[in-house]
Amino acid sequence: MDNLVVYDDMCRFIEQIEKSLIKGKISEKSESKGVTKSEEHYLAILASLENPTFTSFSKKAGITRPAATQIIGKFIKKGYVIKVNNPEDKREYFLRFNDCINEYLEKRDEIFKNILNEKFSVLSEKELQDFLKILKKLLDVNV
């Protein structure tokens, strides 16, 4: 099988999920909060971290510390995130979401999980296990 076919099919799969997210009104929610697609990407990264800091965010996002500082600064200015002093090290700040962004991210995750459940419901248990095995193998490849 040609890798280009795999690439095209993966792109179509991702596009279908994005369109389903839009149908799920997630885009209206984000627009009403002023969240751009780029910001949503970085908010999701931030949400995946336990007790996120500027440094842990920059490492996870694969960006420089100054770039992370600029992104987080915009989030603070928009009211998405607040800085909270680390009680053990006053030079370090933990980053926390405001309630509105927490609700938005929870709703986004719920819609995303529902979409994936619907997509995967067409697979048998064996097909799903095979898919997960292949996905894990691909994720383990360092490029």
Protein backbone atom coordinates (compact mmCIF):
# COMPACT_ATOMS: atom_id res chain seq x y z
CA MET A 1 0.00 0.00 0.00
CA ASP A 2 1.22 3.47 -0.89
CA ASN A 3 2.04 5.75 2.07
CA LEU A 4 0.31 8.58 0.23
CA VAL A 5 -2.99 6.66 0.44
CA VAL A 6 -2.51 6.20 4.20
CA TYR A 7 -1.70 9.91 4.54
CA ASP A 8 -4.80 10.92 2.57
CA ASP A 9 -7.04 8.62 4.62
CA MET A 10 -5.60 9.91 7.91
CA CYS A 11 -6.19 13.51 6.76
CA ARG A 12 -9.79 12.67 5.83
CA PHE A 13 -10.30 11.03 9.24
CA ILE A 14 -8.98 14.11 11.05
CA GLU A 15 -11.07 16.45 8.86
CA GLN A 16 -14.21 14.43 9.68
CA ILE A 17 -13.50 14.73 13.39
CA GLU A 18 -12.92 18.50 13.08
CA LYS A 19 -16.19 18.91 11.16
CA SER A 20 -17.99 16.88 13.83
CA LEU A 21 -16.53 19.11 16.54
CA ILE A 22 -17.90 22.12 14.68
CA LYS A 23 -21.32 20.44 14.40
CA GLY A 24 -21.11 19.83 18.15
CA LYS A 25 -21.11 23.62 18.57
CA ILE A 26 -17.60 23.62 20.00
CA SER A 27 -16.58 26.30 17.50
CA GLU A 28 -19.43 28.59 18.61
CA LYS A 29 -18.30 28.14 22.20
CA SER A 30 -14.73 28.98 21.31
CA GLU A 31 -15.67 32.02 19.24
CA SER A 32 -17.85 33.36 22.04
CA LYS A 33 -14.85 33.14 24.37
CA GLY A 34 -12.46 34.54 21.75
CA VAL A 35 -10.42 31.31 21.60
CA THR A 36 -8.58 30.83 18.31
CA LYS A 37 -7.63 27.39 16.96
CA SER A 38 -4.00 28.06 17.85
CA GLU A 39 -4.96 29.09 21.39
CA GLU A 40 -7.17 26.04 21.72
CA HIS A 41 -4.19 23.86 20.78
CA TYR A 42 -2.03 25.43 23.48
CA LEU A 43 -4.85 25.39 26.05
CA ALA A 44 -5.24 21.64 25.46
CA ILE A 45 -1.50 21.15 26.01
CA LEU A 46 -1.67 23.20 29.18
CA ALA A 47 -4.67 21.20 30.39
CA SER A 48 -2.77 17.93 29.88
CA LEU A 49 -0.14 18.96 32.45
CA GLU A 50 -0.36 18.39 36.17
CA ASN A 51 0.53 21.62 38.02
CA PRO A 52 1.69 23.33 34.82
CA THR A 53 4.45 25.91 34.91
CA PHE A 54 5.94 28.06 32.16
CA THR A 55 8.81 25.56 31.81
CA SER A 56 6.68 22.39 31.72
CA PHE A 57 4.36 24.05 29.19
CA SER A 58 7.23 25.08 26.89
CA LYS A 59 8.71 21.56 27.00
CA LYS A 60 5.40 19.82 26.31
CA ALA A 61 4.51 22.28 23.52
CA GLY A 62 7.98 21.98 21.99
CA ILE A 63 8.52 25.73 22.01
CA THR A 64 11.11 28.04 23.54
CA ARG A 65 10.63 29.47 27.00
CA PRO A 66 10.24 33.03 25.61
CA ALA A 67 7.54 31.81 23.18
CA ALA A 68 5.76 30.06 26.06
CA THR A 69 5.96 33.25 28.13
CA GLN A 70 4.38 35.20 25.27
CA ILE A 71 1.55 32.68 24.81
CA ILE A 72 0.82 32.44 28.53
CA GLY A 73 0.98 36.24 28.77
CA LYS A 74 -1.80 36.46 26.18
CA PHE A 75 -3.83 33.86 28.09
CA ILE A 76 -3.42 35.86 31.30
CA LYS A 77 -4.38 39.11 29.54
CA LYS A 78 -7.53 37.45 28.10
CA GLY A 79 -8.38 36.05 31.53
CA TYR A 80 -8.06 32.38 30.54
CA VAL A 81 -5.23 31.66 32.97
CA ILE A 82 -3.97 32.99 36.28
CA LYS A 83 -0.53 32.63 37.84
CA VAL A 84 -0.33 31.16 41.34
CA ASN A 85 2.92 31.16 43.33
CA ASN A 86 4.41 27.74 44.03
CA PRO A 87 4.38 27.61 47.85
CA GLU A 88 7.64 25.63 47.81
CA ASP A 89 9.51 27.90 45.39
CA LYS A 90 8.40 31.54 45.19
CA ARG A 91 10.34 32.02 41.93
CA GLU A 92 8.02 29.57 40.16
CA TYR A 93 4.36 30.00 39.17
CA PHE A 94 1.70 27.36 38.61
CA LEU A 95 -0.79 28.15 35.86
CA ARG A 96 -4.52 27.72 36.53
CA PHE A 97 -7.54 28.05 34.23
CA ASN A 98 -10.51 30.25 35.03
CA ASP A 99 -13.89 28.48 35.41
CA CYS A 100 -15.10 29.54 31.97
CA ILE A 101 -12.13 27.93 30.18
CA ASN A 102 -12.38 24.82 32.38
CA GLU A 103 -16.02 24.41 31.32
CA TYR A 104 -15.11 25.00 27.68
CA LEU A 105 -12.33 22.36 27.76
CA GLU A 106 -14.56 19.84 29.54
CA LYS A 107 -17.30 20.32 26.93
CA ARG A 108 -14.74 20.02 24.11
CA ASP A 109 -13.39 16.76 25.59
CA GLU A 110 -16.90 15.36 26.03
CA ILE A 111 -17.82 16.11 22.40
CA PHE A 112 -14.50 14.70 21.18
CA LYS A 113 -14.97 11.45 23.15
CA ASN A 114 -18.50 11.07 21.78
CA ILE A 115 -17.22 11.52 18.23
CA LEU A 116 -14.50 8.91 18.71
CA ASN A 117 -16.95 6.49 20.34
CA GLU A 118 -19.21 6.85 17.32
CA LYS A 119 -16.32 6.37 14.89
CA PHE A 120 -14.95 3.31 16.73
CA SER A 121 -18.40 1.73 17.20
CA VAL A 122 -18.17 0.33 13.65
CA LEU A 123 -15.13 -1.76 14.62
CA SER A 124 -15.34 -5.21 16.15
CA GLU A 125 -13.50 -5.83 19.41
CA LYS A 126 -10.68 -7.56 17.50
CA GLU A 127 -10.43 -4.72 14.96
CA LEU A 128 -10.25 -2.19 17.76
CA GLN A 129 -7.51 -4.17 19.53
CA ASP A 130 -5.58 -4.47 16.24
CA PHE A 131 -5.99 -0.74 15.62
CA LEU A 132 -4.70 0.10 19.11
CA LYS A 133 -1.76 -2.25 18.68
CA ILE A 134 -0.81 -0.59 15.37
CA LEU A 135 -1.34 2.91 16.80
CA LYS A 136 0.91 2.14 19.78
CA LYS A 137 3.58 0.82 17.41
CA LEU A 138 3.40 4.02 15.33
CA LEU A 139 3.52 6.23 18.42
CA ASP A 140 6.68 4.45 19.58
CA VAL A 141 8.54 5.42 16.37
CA ASN A 142 10.77 8.42 16.97
CA VAL A 143 10.93 10.69 13.95
